[in-house]
């Protein structure tokens, strides 16, 4: 399906080693930290969460946002 923007990203995340996942999460958290609007952060976390729930949760945690806020 051409409208599915999440399955391939989630599959790639799940193929990564734990070290690679940690590095990716740290990179994304670092890029998103300066964003001032919480709504933008939550919207992005939602996209990561749709790809893989652990991925979204780890990014939320790294940004100091609770998992309940992202859903």
PDB file of N, CA and C in Angstrom:
ATOM      1  N   UNK A   1       0.848  -1.181   0.000  1.00  0.00           N
ATOM      2  CA  UNK A   1       0.000   0.000   0.000  1.00  0.00           C
ATOM      3  C   UNK A   1       0.892   1.243   0.000  1.00  0.00           C
ATOM      4  N   UNK A   2       0.640   2.116  -0.955  1.00  0.00           N
ATOM      5  CA  UNK A   2       1.461   3.326  -1.083  1.00  0.00           C
ATOM      6  C   UNK A   2       1.207   4.341   0.031  1.00  0.00           C
ATOM      7  N   UNK A   3       0.140   4.194   0.777  1.00  0.00           N
ATOM      8  CA  UNK A   3      -0.175   5.119   1.864  1.00  0.00           C
ATOM      9  C   UNK A   3       0.380   4.647   3.206  1.00  0.00           C
ATOM     10  N   UNK A   4       1.038   3.504   3.225  1.00  0.00           N
ATOM     11  CA  UNK A   4       1.606   2.975   4.467  1.00  0.00           C
ATOM     12  C   UNK A   4       3.035   3.496   4.621  1.00  0.00           C
ATOM     13  N   UNK A   5       3.183   4.471   5.498  1.00  0.00           N
ATOM     14  CA  UNK A   5       4.498   5.083   5.703  1.00  0.00           C
ATOM     15  C   UNK A   5       5.191   4.546   6.949  1.00  0.00           C
ATOM     16  N   UNK A   6       4.641   3.499   7.549  1.00  0.00           N
ATOM     17  CA  UNK A   6       5.129   3.070   8.863  1.00  0.00           C
ATOM     18  C   UNK A   6       5.718   1.660   8.888  1.00  0.00           C
ATOM     19  N   UNK A   7       5.169   0.734   8.121  1.00  0.00           N
ATOM     20  CA  UNK A   7       5.603  -0.662   8.191  1.00  0.00           C
ATOM     21  C   UNK A   7       7.086  -0.815   7.879  1.00  0.00           C
ATOM     22  N   UNK A   8       7.538  -0.216   6.793  1.00  0.00           N
ATOM     23  CA  UNK A   8       8.940  -0.368   6.397  1.00  0.00           C
ATOM     24  C   UNK A   8       9.870   0.251   7.448  1.00  0.00           C
ATOM     25  N   UNK A   9       9.499   1.415   7.961  1.00  0.00           N
ATOM     26  CA  UNK A   9      10.327   2.064   8.997  1.00  0.00           C
ATOM     27  C   UNK A   9      10.382   1.203  10.257  1.00  0.00           C
ATOM     28  N   UNK A  10       9.250   0.638  10.653  1.00  0.00           N
ATOM     29  CA  UNK A  10       9.213  -0.223  11.826  1.00  0.00           C
ATOM     30  C   UNK A  10      10.027  -1.484  11.626  1.00  0.00           C
ATOM     31  N   UNK A  11       9.922  -2.067  10.431  1.00  0.00           N
ATOM     32  CA  UNK A  11      10.700  -3.276  10.128  1.00  0.00           C
ATOM     33  C   UNK A  11      12.195  -2.979  10.209  1.00  0.00           C
ATOM     34  N   UNK A  12      12.610  -1.838   9.666  1.00  0.00           N
ATOM     35  CA  UNK A  12      14.024  -1.468   9.709  1.00  0.00           C
ATOM     36  C   UNK A  12      14.486  -1.285  11.151  1.00  0.00           C
ATOM     37  N   UNK A  13      13.688  -0.605  11.959  1.00  0.00           N
ATOM     38  CA  UNK A  13      14.036  -0.402  13.373  1.00  0.00           C
ATOM     39  C   UNK A  13      14.220  -1.738  14.078  1.00  0.00           C
ATOM     40  N   UNK A  14      13.315  -2.673  13.812  1.00  0.00           N
ATOM     41  CA  UNK A  14      13.379  -3.988  14.477  1.00  0.00           C
ATOM     42  C   UNK A  14      14.558  -4.835  13.989  1.00  0.00           C
ATOM     43  N   UNK A  15      15.077  -4.546  12.804  1.00  0.00           N
ATOM     44  CA  UNK A  15      16.249  -5.269  12.296  1.00  0.00           C
ATOM     45  C   UNK A  15      17.551  -4.765  12.917  1.00  0.00           C
ATOM     46  N   UNK A  16      17.527  -3.567  13.464  1.00  0.00           N
ATOM     47  CA  UNK A  16      18.736  -2.969  14.027  1.00  0.00           C
ATOM     48  C   UNK A  16      19.149  -3.659  15.322  1.00  0.00           C
ATOM     49  N   UNK A  17      20.454  -3.600  15.584  1.00  0.00           N
ATOM     50  CA  UNK A  17      20.949  -4.093  16.864  1.00  0.00           C
ATOM     51  C   UNK A  17      20.520  -3.115  17.952  1.00  0.00           C
ATOM     52  N   UNK A  18      20.611  -3.520  19.197  1.00  0.00           N
ATOM     53  CA  UNK A  18      20.246  -2.616  20.300  1.00  0.00           C
ATOM     54  C   UNK A  18      21.122  -1.369  20.284  1.00  0.00           C
ATOM     55  N   UNK A  19      22.392  -1.536  19.980  1.00  0.00           N
ATOM     56  CA  UNK A  19      23.303  -0.390  19.919  1.00  0.00           C
ATOM     57  C   UNK A  19      22.873   0.582  18.816  1.00  0.00           C
ATOM     58  N   UNK A  20      22.501   0.049  17.668  1.00  0.00           N
ATOM     59  CA  UNK A  20      22.044   0.904  16.565  1.00  0.00           C
ATOM     60  C   UNK A  20      20.741   1.624  16.924  1.00  0.00           C
ATOM     61  N   UNK A  21      19.828   0.906  17.582  1.00  0.00           N
ATOM     62  CA  UNK A  21      18.563   1.530  17.999  1.00  0.00           C
ATOM     63  C   UNK A  21      18.829   2.678  18.968  1.00  0.00           C
ATOM     64  N   UNK A  22      19.703   2.437  19.931  1.00  0.00           N
ATOM     65  CA  UNK A  22      20.027   3.459  20.927  1.00  0.00           C
ATOM     66  C   UNK A  22      20.627   4.683  20.262  1.00  0.00           C
ATOM     67  N   UNK A  23      21.544   4.460  19.336  1.00  0.00           N
ATOM     68  CA  UNK A  23      22.174   5.582  18.621  1.00  0.00           C
ATOM     69  C   UNK A  23      21.131   6.364  17.815  1.00  0.00           C
ATOM     70  N   UNK A  24      20.238   5.652  17.141  1.00  0.00           N
ATOM     71  CA  UNK A  24      19.193   6.307  16.350  1.00  0.00           C
ATOM     72  C   UNK A  24      18.284   7.144  17.238  1.00  0.00           C
ATOM     73  N   UNK A  25      17.839   6.561  18.354  1.00  0.00           N
ATOM     74  CA  UNK A  25      16.970   7.286  19.289  1.00  0.00           C
ATOM     75  C   UNK A  25      17.691   8.532  19.799  1.00  0.00           C
ATOM     76  N   UNK A  26      18.962   8.402  20.172  1.00  0.00           N
ATOM     77  CA  UNK A  26      19.732   9.548  20.685  1.00  0.00           C
ATOM     78  C   UNK A  26      19.850  10.651  19.630  1.00  0.00           C
ATOM     79  N   UNK A  27      20.049  10.257  18.379  1.00  0.00           N
ATOM     80  CA  UNK A  27      20.165  11.233  17.293  1.00  0.00           C
ATOM     81  C   UNK A  27      18.852  11.985  17.099  1.00  0.00           C
ATOM     82  N   UNK A  28      17.748  11.253  17.099  1.00  0.00           N
ATOM     83  CA  UNK A  28      16.436  11.885  16.905  1.00  0.00           C
ATOM     84  C   UNK A  28      16.092  12.781  18.093  1.00  0.00           C
ATOM     85  N   UNK A  29      16.337  12.299  19.299  1.00  0.00           N
ATOM     86  CA  UNK A  29      16.067  13.101  20.496  1.00  0.00           C
ATOM     87  C   UNK A  29      16.904  14.385  20.441  1.00  0.00           C
ATOM     88  N   UNK A  30      18.162  14.269  20.051  1.00  0.00           N
ATOM     89  CA  UNK A  30      19.022  15.443  19.941  1.00  0.00           C
ATOM     90  C   UNK A  30      18.500  16.446  18.923  1.00  0.00           C
ATOM     91  N   UNK A  31      17.978  15.949  17.815  1.00  0.00           N
ATOM     92  CA  UNK A  31      17.445  16.835  16.777  1.00  0.00           C
ATOM     93  C   UNK A  31      16.131  17.483  17.199  1.00  0.00           C
ATOM     94  N   UNK A  32      15.344  16.771  18.008  1.00  0.00           N
ATOM     95  CA  UNK A  32      14.024  17.279  18.403  1.00  0.00           C
ATOM     96  C   UNK A  32      14.047  18.124  19.674  1.00  0.00           C
ATOM     97  N   UNK A  33      15.088  18.014  20.472  1.00  0.00           N
ATOM     98  CA  UNK A  33      15.162  18.736  21.747  1.00  0.00           C
ATOM     99  C   UNK A  33      14.973  20.250  21.586  1.00  0.00           C
ATOM    100  N   UNK A  34      15.597  20.884  20.570  1.00  0.00           N
ATOM    101  CA  UNK A  34      15.429  22.342  20.445  1.00  0.00           C
ATOM    102  C   UNK A  34      14.024  22.791  20.012  1.00  0.00           C
ATOM    103  N   UNK A  35      13.204  21.876  19.534  1.00  0.00           N
ATOM    104  CA  UNK A  35      11.854  22.250  19.090  1.00  0.00           C
ATOM    105  C   UNK A  35      11.072  22.744  20.307  1.00  0.00           C
ATOM    106  N   UNK A  36      10.531  23.947  20.201  1.00  0.00           N
ATOM    107  CA  UNK A  36       9.878  24.561  21.355  1.00  0.00           C
ATOM    108  C   UNK A  36       8.436  24.110  21.545  1.00  0.00           C
ATOM    109  N   UNK A  37       7.728  23.842  20.456  1.00  0.00           N
ATOM    110  CA  UNK A  37       6.302  23.495  20.572  1.00  0.00           C
ATOM    111  C   UNK A  37       6.115  22.018  20.915  1.00  0.00           C
ATOM    112  N   UNK A  38       5.532  21.772  22.057  1.00  0.00           N
ATOM    113  CA  UNK A  38       5.310  20.396  22.513  1.00  0.00           C
ATOM    114  C   UNK A  38       4.392  19.655  21.537  1.00  0.00           C
ATOM    115  N   UNK A  39       3.416  20.367  20.938  1.00  0.00           N
ATOM    116  CA  UNK A  39       2.493  19.702  20.001  1.00  0.00           C
ATOM    117  C   UNK A  39       3.258  19.078  18.836  1.00  0.00           C
ATOM    118  N   UNK A  40       4.291  19.770  18.375  1.00  0.00           N
ATOM    119  CA  UNK A  40       5.089  19.254  17.255  1.00  0.00           C
ATOM    120  C   UNK A  40       5.838  18.003  17.698  1.00  0.00           C
ATOM    121  N   UNK A  41       6.413  18.046  18.887  1.00  0.00           N
ATOM    122  CA  UNK A  41       7.125  16.870  19.402  1.00  0.00           C
ATOM    123  C   UNK A  41       6.172  15.686  19.524  1.00  0.00           C
ATOM    124  N   UNK A  42       4.977  15.939  20.059  1.00  0.00           N
ATOM    125  CA  UNK A  42       4.011  14.850  20.252  1.00  0.00           C
ATOM    126  C   UNK A  42       3.553  14.274  18.914  1.00  0.00           C
ATOM    127  N   UNK A  43       3.379  15.135  17.913  1.00  0.00           N
ATOM    128  CA  UNK A  43       2.967  14.655  16.590  1.00  0.00           C
ATOM    129  C   UNK A  43       4.042  13.742  16.013  1.00  0.00           C
ATOM    130  N   UNK A  44       5.303  14.157  16.132  1.00  0.00           N
ATOM    131  CA  UNK A  44       6.402  13.340  15.625  1.00  0.00           C
ATOM    132  C   UNK A  44       6.518  12.026  16.392  1.00  0.00           C
ATOM    133  N   UNK A  45       6.394  12.088  17.705  1.00  0.00           N
ATOM    134  CA  UNK A  45       6.433  10.862  18.509  1.00  0.00           C
ATOM    135  C   UNK A  45       5.347   9.908  18.044  1.00  0.00           C
ATOM    136  N   UNK A  46       4.184  10.443  17.716  1.00  0.00           N
ATOM    137  CA  UNK A  46       3.087   9.613  17.200  1.00  0.00           C
ATOM    138  C   UNK A  46       3.481   8.867  15.945  1.00  0.00           C
ATOM    139  N   UNK A  47       4.215   9.541  15.067  1.00  0.00           N
ATOM    140  CA  UNK A  47       4.671   8.877  13.829  1.00  0.00           C
ATOM    141  C   UNK A  47       5.662   7.761  14.160  1.00  0.00           C
ATOM    142  N   UNK A  48       6.609   8.037  15.047  1.00  0.00           N
ATOM    143  CA  UNK A  48       7.576   6.997  15.428  1.00  0.00           C
ATOM    144  C   UNK A  48       6.863   5.829  16.105  1.00  0.00           C
ATOM    145  N   UNK A  49       5.860   6.134  16.906  1.00  0.00           N
ATOM    146  CA  UNK A  49       5.096   5.105  17.631  1.00  0.00           C
ATOM    147  C   UNK A  49       4.333   4.209  16.652  1.00  0.00           C
ATOM    148  N   UNK A  50       3.812   4.793  15.570  1.00  0.00           N
ATOM    149  CA  UNK A  50       3.093   3.995  14.560  1.00  0.00           C
ATOM    150  C   UNK A  50       4.038   3.030  13.851  1.00  0.00           C
ATOM    151  N   UNK A  51       5.292   3.433  13.713  1.00  0.00           N
ATOM    152  CA  UNK A  51       6.285   2.544  13.090  1.00  0.00           C
ATOM    153  C   UNK A  51       6.630   1.399  14.040  1.00  0.00           C
ATOM    154  N   UNK A  52       6.844   1.740  15.305  1.00  0.00           N
ATOM    155  CA  UNK A  52       7.167   0.732  16.326  1.00  0.00           C
ATOM    156  C   UNK A  52       6.909   1.378  17.687  1.00  0.00           C
ATOM    157  N   UNK A  53       6.089   0.733  18.513  1.00  0.00           N
ATOM    158  CA  UNK A  53       5.696   1.347  19.789  1.00  0.00           C
ATOM    159  C   UNK A  53       6.890   1.588  20.712  1.00  0.00           C
ATOM    160  N   UNK A  54       7.849   0.670  20.727  1.00  0.00           N
ATOM    161  CA  UNK A  54       9.049   0.870  21.553  1.00  0.00           C
ATOM    162  C   UNK A  54       9.840   2.084  21.072  1.00  0.00           C
ATOM    163  N   UNK A  55       9.950   2.221  19.768  1.00  0.00           N
ATOM    164  CA  UNK A  55      10.663   3.338  19.145  1.00  0.00           C
ATOM    165  C   UNK A  55      10.045   4.662  19.613  1.00  0.00           C
ATOM    166  N   UNK A  56       8.742   4.786  19.498  1.00  0.00           N
ATOM    167  CA  UNK A  56       8.054   6.002  19.932  1.00  0.00           C
ATOM    168  C   UNK A  56       8.212   6.257  21.414  1.00  0.00           C
ATOM    169  N   UNK A  57       8.105   5.210  22.198  1.00  0.00           N
ATOM    170  CA  UNK A  57       8.218   5.353  23.651  1.00  0.00           C
ATOM    171  C   UNK A  57       9.614   5.800  24.068  1.00  0.00           C
ATOM    172  N   UNK A  58      10.628   5.259  23.413  1.00  0.00           N
ATOM    173  CA  UNK A  58      12.006   5.639  23.752  1.00  0.00           C
ATOM    174  C   UNK A  58      12.285   7.091  23.392  1.00  0.00           C
ATOM    175  N   UNK A  59      11.725   7.546  22.278  1.00  0.00           N
ATOM    176  CA  UNK A  59      11.913   8.945  21.894  1.00  0.00           C
ATOM    177  C   UNK A  59      11.164   9.849  22.868  1.00  0.00           C
ATOM    178  N   UNK A  60       9.937   9.477  23.222  1.00  0.00           N
ATOM    179  CA  UNK A  60       9.166  10.266  24.196  1.00  0.00           C
ATOM    180  C   UNK A  60       9.943  10.382  25.500  1.00  0.00           C
ATOM    181  N   UNK A  61      10.460   9.266  25.975  1.00  0.00           N
ATOM    182  CA  UNK A  61      11.223   9.239  27.229  1.00  0.00           C
ATOM    183  C   UNK A  61      12.453  10.141  27.130  1.00  0.00           C
ATOM    184  N   UNK A  62      13.136  10.076  25.999  1.00  0.00           N
ATOM    185  CA  UNK A  62      14.327  10.896  25.795  1.00  0.00           C
ATOM    186  C   UNK A  62      14.023  12.387  25.794  1.00  0.00           C
ATOM    187  N   UNK A  63      12.799  12.728  25.394  1.00  0.00           N
ATOM    188  CA  UNK A  63      12.384  14.130  25.364  1.00  0.00           C
ATOM    189  C   UNK A  63      11.718  14.554  26.667  1.00  0.00           C
ATOM    190  N   UNK A  64      11.625  13.619  27.620  1.00  0.00           N
ATOM    191  CA  UNK A  64      11.010  13.943  28.904  1.00  0.00           C
ATOM    192  C   UNK A  64       9.503  14.047  28.836  1.00  0.00           C
ATOM    193  N   UNK A  65       8.904  13.365  27.856  1.00  0.00           N
ATOM    194  CA  UNK A  65       7.453  13.365  27.714  1.00  0.00           C
ATOM    195  C   UNK A  65       6.924  12.003  28.124  1.00  0.00           C
ATOM    196  N   UNK A  66       5.749  11.980  28.726  1.00  0.00           N
ATOM    197  CA  UNK A  66       5.217  10.705  29.160  1.00  0.00           C
ATOM    198  C   UNK A  66       4.577   9.972  27.989  1.00  0.00           C
ATOM    199  N   UNK A  67       4.554   8.649  28.086  1.00  0.00           N
ATOM    200  CA  UNK A  67       3.978   7.821  27.041  1.00  0.00           C
ATOM    201  C   UNK A  67       2.490   8.144  26.865  1.00  0.00           C
ATOM    202  N   UNK A  68       1.797   8.475  27.950  1.00  0.00           N
ATOM    203  CA  UNK A  68       0.367   8.774  27.839  1.00  0.00           C
ATOM    204  C   UNK A  68       0.125  10.035  27.014  1.00  0.00           C
ATOM    205  N   UNK A  69       1.078  10.956  26.983  1.00  0.00           N
ATOM    206  CA  UNK A  69       0.932  12.179  26.203  1.00  0.00           C
ATOM    207  C   UNK A  69       0.997  11.909  24.701  1.00  0.00           C
ATOM    208  N   UNK A  70       1.728  10.881  24.322  1.00  0.00           N
ATOM    209  CA  UNK A  70       1.972  10.669  22.896  1.00  0.00           C
ATOM    210  C   UNK A  70       0.760  10.078  22.173  1.00  0.00           C
ATOM    211  N   UNK A  71      -0.130   9.401  22.896  1.00  0.00           N
ATOM    212  CA  UNK A  71      -1.261   8.732  22.271  1.00  0.00           C
ATOM    213  C   UNK A  71      -2.446   9.651  22.250  1.00  0.00           C
TER     214      UNK A  71
END
